[in-house]
């Protein structure tokens, strides 16, 4: 029973950073998924792969896994680098791509 602890990426439809500071403990799959021959649905007999436990901090998630004897790996989040740009830069004289209507 292994698990991964990570901070999920924000949704592409989100502009802000609300609810993006939580950490999730999620169990890895132990059994492969199978395809139902009649309907074609993908199913799994592994119930632990459906469990997601949310924590406020990374330390809480690590402490929970250690306390319950769960082997885990921590996936560090990648911080996004935002380029600072002013609205006036759209109308600069030395702009690479000319602005047109």
N, C-alpha and C. Protein backbone atom coordinates (compact mmCIF):
# COMPACT_ATOMS: atom_id res chain seq x y z
N UNK A 1 0.86 -1.17 0.00
CA UNK A 1 0.00 0.00 0.00
C UNK A 1 0.90 1.23 0.00
N UNK A 2 1.04 1.85 -1.15
CA UNK A 2 1.83 3.07 -1.27
C UNK A 2 0.91 4.22 -1.63
N UNK A 3 1.35 5.41 -1.31
CA UNK A 3 0.55 6.60 -1.57
C UNK A 3 1.45 7.71 -2.08
N UNK A 4 0.83 8.67 -2.73
CA UNK A 4 1.56 9.86 -3.13
C UNK A 4 0.92 11.07 -2.46
N UNK A 5 1.77 11.99 -2.05
CA UNK A 5 1.32 13.22 -1.41
C UNK A 5 1.71 14.35 -2.35
N UNK A 6 0.73 15.14 -2.76
CA UNK A 6 1.00 16.20 -3.71
C UNK A 6 0.03 17.36 -3.52
N UNK A 7 0.36 18.48 -4.09
CA UNK A 7 -0.54 19.63 -4.12
C UNK A 7 -1.09 19.74 -5.53
N UNK A 8 -2.40 19.54 -5.73
CA UNK A 8 -2.95 19.51 -7.08
C UNK A 8 -2.85 20.86 -7.77
N UNK A 9 -2.68 20.81 -9.07
CA UNK A 9 -2.62 22.03 -9.87
C UNK A 9 -4.00 22.66 -9.93
N UNK A 10 -4.02 23.95 -10.10
CA UNK A 10 -5.32 24.61 -10.16
C UNK A 10 -5.98 24.33 -11.51
N UNK A 11 -7.26 24.47 -11.53
CA UNK A 11 -8.04 24.23 -12.72
C UNK A 11 -7.70 25.29 -13.77
N UNK A 12 -7.76 24.93 -15.04
CA UNK A 12 -7.47 25.88 -16.11
C UNK A 12 -8.50 27.00 -16.16
N UNK A 13 -9.67 26.79 -15.58
CA UNK A 13 -10.71 27.81 -15.58
C UNK A 13 -10.58 28.78 -14.41
N UNK A 14 -9.62 28.54 -13.52
CA UNK A 14 -9.44 29.41 -12.37
C UNK A 14 -8.43 30.50 -12.70
N UNK A 15 -8.68 31.68 -12.21
CA UNK A 15 -7.72 32.76 -12.37
C UNK A 15 -6.97 32.99 -11.07
N UNK A 16 -7.63 32.80 -9.96
CA UNK A 16 -7.01 33.05 -8.66
C UNK A 16 -6.35 31.82 -8.09
N UNK A 17 -5.91 31.95 -6.84
CA UNK A 17 -5.23 30.85 -6.17
C UNK A 17 -6.05 30.28 -5.02
N UNK A 18 -7.35 30.49 -5.01
CA UNK A 18 -8.19 29.97 -3.93
C UNK A 18 -8.23 28.45 -3.99
N UNK A 19 -8.18 27.82 -2.85
CA UNK A 19 -8.21 26.36 -2.70
C UNK A 19 -7.08 25.65 -3.44
N UNK A 20 -5.99 26.33 -3.71
CA UNK A 20 -4.87 25.68 -4.38
C UNK A 20 -3.72 25.41 -3.42
N UNK A 21 -3.93 25.62 -2.13
CA UNK A 21 -2.87 25.41 -1.15
C UNK A 21 -3.07 24.14 -0.34
N UNK A 22 -4.02 23.31 -0.74
CA UNK A 22 -4.26 22.07 0.00
C UNK A 22 -3.32 20.97 -0.52
N UNK A 23 -3.08 19.98 0.32
CA UNK A 23 -2.27 18.83 -0.03
C UNK A 23 -3.16 17.60 -0.02
N UNK A 24 -2.93 16.68 -0.94
CA UNK A 24 -3.76 15.49 -1.10
C UNK A 24 -2.91 14.24 -0.92
N UNK A 25 -3.42 13.29 -0.15
CA UNK A 25 -2.83 11.96 -0.05
C UNK A 25 -3.71 11.03 -0.86
N UNK A 26 -3.13 10.39 -1.85
CA UNK A 26 -3.88 9.54 -2.76
C UNK A 26 -3.14 8.20 -2.91
N UNK A 27 -3.86 7.10 -2.79
CA UNK A 27 -3.26 5.78 -2.88
C UNK A 27 -3.01 5.39 -4.33
N UNK A 28 -1.91 4.66 -4.57
CA UNK A 28 -1.60 4.16 -5.90
C UNK A 28 -2.43 2.92 -6.18
N UNK A 29 -2.54 2.58 -7.46
CA UNK A 29 -3.27 1.38 -7.85
C UNK A 29 -2.46 0.14 -7.50
N UNK A 30 -3.14 -0.84 -6.93
CA UNK A 30 -2.49 -2.10 -6.62
C UNK A 30 -2.87 -3.18 -7.63
N UNK A 31 -4.04 -3.06 -8.22
CA UNK A 31 -4.52 -4.03 -9.20
C UNK A 31 -4.78 -3.30 -10.52
N UNK A 32 -4.51 -3.94 -11.64
CA UNK A 32 -4.77 -3.27 -12.93
C UNK A 32 -6.26 -3.14 -13.20
N UNK A 33 -6.61 -2.17 -13.99
CA UNK A 33 -8.01 -1.98 -14.39
C UNK A 33 -8.37 -2.99 -15.46
N UNK A 34 -9.64 -3.32 -15.53
CA UNK A 34 -10.10 -4.28 -16.53
C UNK A 34 -11.24 -3.65 -17.33
N UNK A 35 -11.41 -4.15 -18.54
CA UNK A 35 -12.45 -3.64 -19.43
C UNK A 35 -13.59 -4.65 -19.45
N UNK A 36 -14.80 -4.15 -19.21
CA UNK A 36 -15.98 -5.00 -19.25
C UNK A 36 -16.21 -5.44 -20.70
N UNK A 37 -16.33 -6.75 -20.96
CA UNK A 37 -16.45 -7.19 -22.36
C UNK A 37 -17.77 -6.82 -23.03
N UNK A 38 -18.84 -6.66 -22.26
CA UNK A 38 -20.14 -6.37 -22.86
C UNK A 38 -20.31 -4.88 -23.12
N UNK A 39 -20.11 -4.06 -22.08
CA UNK A 39 -20.37 -2.62 -22.20
C UNK A 39 -19.14 -1.81 -22.57
N UNK A 40 -17.94 -2.34 -22.30
CA UNK A 40 -16.73 -1.61 -22.63
C UNK A 40 -16.29 -0.64 -21.55
N UNK A 41 -16.94 -0.67 -20.39
CA UNK A 41 -16.56 0.21 -19.29
C UNK A 41 -15.24 -0.24 -18.69
N UNK A 42 -14.48 0.72 -18.18
CA UNK A 42 -13.26 0.39 -17.46
C UNK A 42 -13.60 0.31 -15.99
N UNK A 43 -13.23 -0.81 -15.37
CA UNK A 43 -13.56 -0.99 -13.95
C UNK A 43 -12.31 -1.42 -13.21
N UNK A 44 -12.38 -1.29 -11.91
CA UNK A 44 -11.26 -1.66 -11.06
C UNK A 44 -11.80 -2.30 -9.79
N UNK A 45 -11.09 -3.31 -9.30
CA UNK A 45 -11.45 -3.95 -8.04
C UNK A 45 -10.70 -3.34 -6.88
N UNK A 46 -9.88 -2.33 -7.16
CA UNK A 46 -9.06 -1.68 -6.14
C UNK A 46 -9.81 -0.47 -5.59
N UNK A 47 -10.34 -0.61 -4.39
CA UNK A 47 -11.14 0.47 -3.80
C UNK A 47 -10.28 1.60 -3.23
N UNK A 48 -9.05 1.31 -2.86
CA UNK A 48 -8.20 2.33 -2.27
C UNK A 48 -7.78 3.40 -3.26
N UNK A 49 -7.82 3.08 -4.55
CA UNK A 49 -7.43 4.08 -5.55
C UNK A 49 -8.46 5.21 -5.67
N UNK A 50 -9.62 5.03 -5.07
CA UNK A 50 -10.66 6.06 -5.11
C UNK A 50 -10.59 7.01 -3.92
N UNK A 51 -9.72 6.74 -2.97
CA UNK A 51 -9.65 7.54 -1.75
C UNK A 51 -8.70 8.71 -1.93
N UNK A 52 -9.16 9.89 -1.59
CA UNK A 52 -8.33 11.09 -1.54
C UNK A 52 -8.55 11.76 -0.20
N UNK A 53 -7.47 11.96 0.54
CA UNK A 53 -7.57 12.61 1.84
C UNK A 53 -6.88 13.96 1.71
N UNK A 54 -7.56 15.02 2.11
CA UNK A 54 -7.04 16.38 1.96
C UNK A 54 -6.50 16.91 3.29
N UNK A 55 -5.39 17.64 3.21
CA UNK A 55 -4.74 18.22 4.38
C UNK A 55 -4.41 19.68 4.10
N UNK A 56 -4.29 20.45 5.17
CA UNK A 56 -3.95 21.87 5.01
C UNK A 56 -2.47 22.07 4.70
N UNK A 57 -1.61 21.23 5.26
CA UNK A 57 -0.17 21.38 5.03
C UNK A 57 0.45 20.05 4.64
N UNK A 58 1.64 20.14 4.08
CA UNK A 58 2.40 18.96 3.69
C UNK A 58 2.79 18.14 4.92
N UNK A 59 3.15 18.83 6.01
CA UNK A 59 3.58 18.16 7.22
C UNK A 59 2.46 17.32 7.83
N UNK A 60 1.22 17.80 7.75
CA UNK A 60 0.09 17.03 8.27
C UNK A 60 -0.10 15.75 7.47
N UNK A 61 0.05 15.82 6.16
CA UNK A 61 -0.11 14.65 5.32
C UNK A 61 0.99 13.63 5.59
N UNK A 62 2.23 14.10 5.74
CA UNK A 62 3.35 13.20 6.02
C UNK A 62 3.18 12.56 7.40
N UNK A 63 2.74 13.34 8.38
CA UNK A 63 2.52 12.81 9.73
C UNK A 63 1.42 11.75 9.72
N UNK A 64 0.36 11.97 8.96
CA UNK A 64 -0.74 10.99 8.88
C UNK A 64 -0.24 9.68 8.28
N UNK A 65 0.51 9.78 7.19
CA UNK A 65 1.01 8.58 6.53
C UNK A 65 1.99 7.83 7.43
N UNK A 66 2.85 8.55 8.12
CA UNK A 66 3.81 7.91 9.02
C UNK A 66 3.11 7.25 10.20
N UNK A 67 2.12 7.93 10.76
CA UNK A 67 1.40 7.41 11.92
C UNK A 67 0.63 6.14 11.58
N UNK A 68 0.12 6.02 10.34
CA UNK A 68 -0.68 4.87 9.95
C UNK A 68 0.11 3.81 9.19
N UNK A 69 1.43 3.97 9.10
CA UNK A 69 2.27 2.96 8.46
C UNK A 69 2.11 2.88 6.95
N UNK A 70 1.80 3.99 6.30
CA UNK A 70 1.62 4.03 4.85
C UNK A 70 2.93 4.50 4.22
N UNK A 71 3.47 3.70 3.31
CA UNK A 71 4.66 4.17 2.60
C UNK A 71 4.22 5.21 1.57
N UNK A 72 4.98 6.27 1.45
CA UNK A 72 4.54 7.39 0.62
C UNK A 72 5.72 8.01 -0.11
N UNK A 73 5.38 8.82 -1.11
CA UNK A 73 6.35 9.66 -1.80
C UNK A 73 5.71 11.05 -1.93
N UNK A 74 6.54 12.05 -1.78
CA UNK A 74 6.05 13.43 -1.84
C UNK A 74 6.44 14.02 -3.20
N UNK A 75 5.47 14.55 -3.91
CA UNK A 75 5.71 15.21 -5.19
C UNK A 75 5.62 16.70 -4.94
N UNK A 76 6.74 17.38 -5.07
CA UNK A 76 6.80 18.82 -4.82
C UNK A 76 6.12 19.58 -5.95
N UNK A 77 5.38 20.63 -5.64
CA UNK A 77 4.70 21.40 -6.69
C UNK A 77 5.68 22.28 -7.46
N UNK A 78 5.35 22.52 -8.71
CA UNK A 78 6.15 23.42 -9.52
C UNK A 78 5.53 24.81 -9.43
N UNK A 79 6.32 25.76 -9.01
CA UNK A 79 5.82 27.13 -8.88
C UNK A 79 5.80 27.79 -10.25
N UNK A 80 4.70 28.45 -10.55
CA UNK A 80 4.59 29.12 -11.84
C UNK A 80 5.28 30.48 -11.79
N UNK A 81 5.94 30.79 -12.87
CA UNK A 81 6.60 32.10 -12.96
C UNK A 81 5.72 32.99 -13.82
N UNK A 82 5.25 34.06 -13.24
CA UNK A 82 4.38 34.98 -13.97
C UNK A 82 5.19 36.16 -14.46
N UNK A 83 5.02 36.48 -15.70
CA UNK A 83 5.72 37.61 -16.28
C UNK A 83 4.93 38.88 -15.99
N UNK A 84 5.59 39.84 -15.36
CA UNK A 84 4.94 41.11 -15.04
C UNK A 84 4.81 41.93 -16.32
N UNK A 85 3.61 42.38 -16.58
CA UNK A 85 3.37 43.14 -17.79
C UNK A 85 2.33 44.21 -17.49
N UNK A 86 2.54 45.37 -17.99
CA UNK A 86 1.59 46.47 -17.78
C UNK A 86 0.69 46.59 -19.01
N UNK A 87 -0.46 47.16 -18.81
CA UNK A 87 -1.39 47.35 -19.92
C UNK A 87 -0.79 48.27 -20.98
N UNK A 88 0.02 49.22 -20.55
CA UNK A 88 0.63 50.17 -21.49
C UNK A 88 1.62 49.48 -22.43
N UNK A 89 2.12 48.29 -22.05
CA UNK A 89 3.04 47.57 -22.93
C UNK A 89 2.37 47.12 -24.23
N UNK A 90 1.06 47.06 -24.26
CA UNK A 90 0.36 46.71 -25.51
C UNK A 90 0.52 47.78 -26.57
N UNK A 91 0.84 48.99 -26.19
CA UNK A 91 0.90 50.11 -27.12
C UNK A 91 2.30 50.69 -27.22
N UNK A 92 3.32 49.92 -26.84
CA UNK A 92 4.70 50.41 -26.90
C UNK A 92 5.13 50.62 -28.35
N UNK A 93 6.05 51.57 -28.53
CA UNK A 93 6.55 51.88 -29.86
C UNK A 93 7.42 50.74 -30.40
N UNK A 94 8.24 50.14 -29.54
CA UNK A 94 9.17 49.10 -29.99
C UNK A 94 8.60 47.68 -29.82
N UNK A 95 7.31 47.55 -29.95
CA UNK A 95 6.65 46.27 -29.81
C UNK A 95 7.04 45.35 -30.98
N UNK A 96 7.28 44.07 -30.70
CA UNK A 96 7.72 43.15 -31.75
C UNK A 96 6.63 42.89 -32.78
N UNK A 97 5.42 42.65 -32.33
CA UNK A 97 4.31 42.43 -33.23
C UNK A 97 3.46 43.69 -33.23
N UNK A 98 3.28 44.29 -34.40
CA UNK A 98 2.51 45.55 -34.42
C UNK A 98 1.06 45.32 -34.00
N UNK A 99 0.57 46.27 -33.24
CA UNK A 99 -0.81 46.20 -32.75
C UNK A 99 -1.73 46.80 -33.81
N UNK A 100 -2.74 46.05 -34.20
CA UNK A 100 -3.69 46.55 -35.18
C UNK A 100 -5.09 46.30 -34.65
N UNK A 101 -6.04 46.89 -35.29
CA UNK A 101 -7.45 46.71 -34.89
C UNK A 101 -7.98 45.44 -35.40
